[in-house]
Amino acid sequence: FVEIQIKSRVISGYEEQFAVKEFKPRENFFIVCHNITDNKFYVMPSIIFYKKGEYKFNRQRKFRFMRFSQIEKYENFKNEEGIALLKKALKNPANILNSIKNNI
């Protein structure tokens, strides 16, 4: 079981940001930041997004956000490298649900 939250934005400048409602970072939770403008995406482990992102409180909601300029620095999470990261997480025995483990 791997949880994924996808955020898509039209990026018009480096200060554009991806915001995610406040969350608890976990090993099996990933945030996919999709840049609609150039159709590139970054598969970011929630732990990294949480640590490197900024906290924001807006209209009684709590968020973590990262600017596109920050995310773009993570080349190892971009496109196919990001998909490989998800595949690796899916193979991790800690992420296999008990009901599946019993049938293996």
Protein backbone atom coordinates (compact mmCIF):
# COMPACT_ATOMS: atom_id res chain seq x y z
CA PHE A 1 0.00 0.00 0.00
CA VAL A 2 1.46 3.31 -1.12
CA GLU A 3 -0.51 6.52 -0.73
CA ILE A 4 -0.16 9.18 -3.43
CA GLN A 5 -1.46 12.73 -3.52
CA ILE A 6 -1.26 14.47 -6.90
CA LYS A 7 -1.01 18.23 -7.21
CA SER A 8 -1.15 19.81 -10.67
CA ARG A 9 -0.38 23.44 -11.48
CA VAL A 10 0.17 25.64 -14.49
CA ILE A 11 3.61 27.03 -13.73
CA SER A 12 4.25 30.53 -15.00
CA GLY A 13 7.23 31.38 -12.81
CA TYR A 14 9.64 30.00 -10.26
CA GLU A 15 7.69 31.38 -7.31
CA GLU A 16 4.63 29.25 -8.12
CA GLN A 17 4.03 26.75 -5.36
CA PHE A 18 2.50 23.37 -4.64
CA ALA A 19 0.45 23.30 -1.43
CA VAL A 20 -0.69 20.23 0.48
CA LYS A 21 -3.08 20.22 3.42
CA GLU A 22 -1.14 19.58 6.64
CA PHE A 23 -0.24 15.89 6.91
CA LYS A 24 1.79 13.41 8.89
CA PRO A 25 4.83 12.34 6.83
CA ARG A 26 5.13 8.59 6.26
CA GLU A 27 7.46 6.22 4.43
CA ASN A 28 4.65 5.04 2.14
CA PHE A 29 3.15 8.48 1.34
CA PHE A 30 4.26 10.38 -1.76
CA ILE A 31 3.30 13.72 -3.24
CA VAL A 32 3.35 14.05 -7.01
CA CYS A 33 3.87 17.63 -8.19
CA HIS A 34 2.78 17.90 -11.83
CA ASN A 35 3.82 20.93 -13.85
CA ILE A 36 1.09 21.16 -16.49
CA THR A 37 3.03 23.79 -18.45
CA ASP A 38 5.83 21.43 -19.53
CA ASN A 39 4.16 18.12 -18.52
CA LYS A 40 6.90 17.18 -16.05
CA PHE A 41 6.29 15.70 -12.64
CA TYR A 42 8.21 15.08 -9.45
CA VAL A 43 7.44 12.18 -7.11
CA MET A 44 8.38 13.58 -3.73
CA PRO A 45 8.47 11.42 -0.59
CA SER A 46 6.20 13.07 1.98
CA ILE A 47 9.06 13.09 4.48
CA ILE A 48 11.15 15.30 2.16
CA PHE A 49 8.19 17.54 1.28
CA TYR A 50 7.44 17.98 4.99
CA LYS A 51 11.03 18.74 6.00
CA LYS A 52 11.90 21.01 3.07
CA GLY A 53 8.51 22.63 2.64
CA GLU A 54 7.20 25.65 4.49
CA TYR A 55 4.29 25.86 6.87
CA LYS A 56 1.37 28.14 6.03
CA PHE A 57 -1.86 28.93 7.86
CA ASN A 58 -4.60 30.31 5.62
CA ARG A 59 -8.32 30.75 6.39
CA GLN A 60 -8.33 28.27 9.25
CA ARG A 61 -6.43 25.68 7.19
CA LYS A 62 -2.90 24.46 7.69
CA PHE A 63 -0.68 23.73 4.69
CA ARG A 64 2.81 22.66 3.76
CA PHE A 65 4.05 24.13 0.52
CA MET A 66 7.10 24.13 -1.69
CA ARG A 67 7.94 26.57 -4.43
CA PHE A 68 8.48 25.10 -7.87
CA SER A 69 12.03 26.48 -7.82
CA GLN A 70 12.73 24.24 -4.78
CA ILE A 71 11.09 21.15 -6.24
CA GLU A 72 12.91 21.51 -9.54
CA LYS A 73 16.23 20.94 -7.75
CA TYR A 74 15.26 17.32 -6.99
CA GLU A 75 16.25 15.79 -10.34
CA ASN A 76 16.26 12.30 -8.77
CA PHE A 77 12.48 12.59 -8.21
CA LYS A 78 11.68 13.79 -11.74
CA ASN A 79 9.62 11.80 -14.26
CA GLU A 80 10.95 8.24 -14.72
CA GLU A 81 13.21 8.47 -11.67
CA GLY A 82 10.11 9.31 -9.63
CA ILE A 83 8.21 6.33 -11.04
CA ALA A 84 11.17 4.11 -10.12
CA LEU A 85 10.96 5.48 -6.56
CA LEU A 86 7.28 4.50 -6.36
CA LYS A 87 8.01 1.01 -7.73
CA LYS A 88 10.71 0.56 -5.11
CA ALA A 89 8.25 1.59 -2.36
CA LEU A 90 5.69 -0.92 -3.67
CA LYS A 91 8.26 -3.72 -3.37
CA ASN A 92 9.09 -2.81 0.22
CA PRO A 93 7.77 -5.63 2.48
CA ALA A 94 6.71 -3.04 5.07
CA ASN A 95 4.18 -1.65 2.57
CA ILE A 96 2.48 -4.97 1.78
CA LEU A 97 -0.96 -5.22 3.34
CA ASN A 98 -1.49 -8.11 5.75
CA SER A 99 -4.31 -9.56 3.62
CA ILE A 100 -1.90 -9.81 0.68
CA LYS A 101 0.94 -11.19 2.82
CA ASN A 102 -1.29 -14.07 3.89
CA ASN A 103 -1.89 -15.08 0.27
CA ILE A 104 1.74 -14.99 -0.84
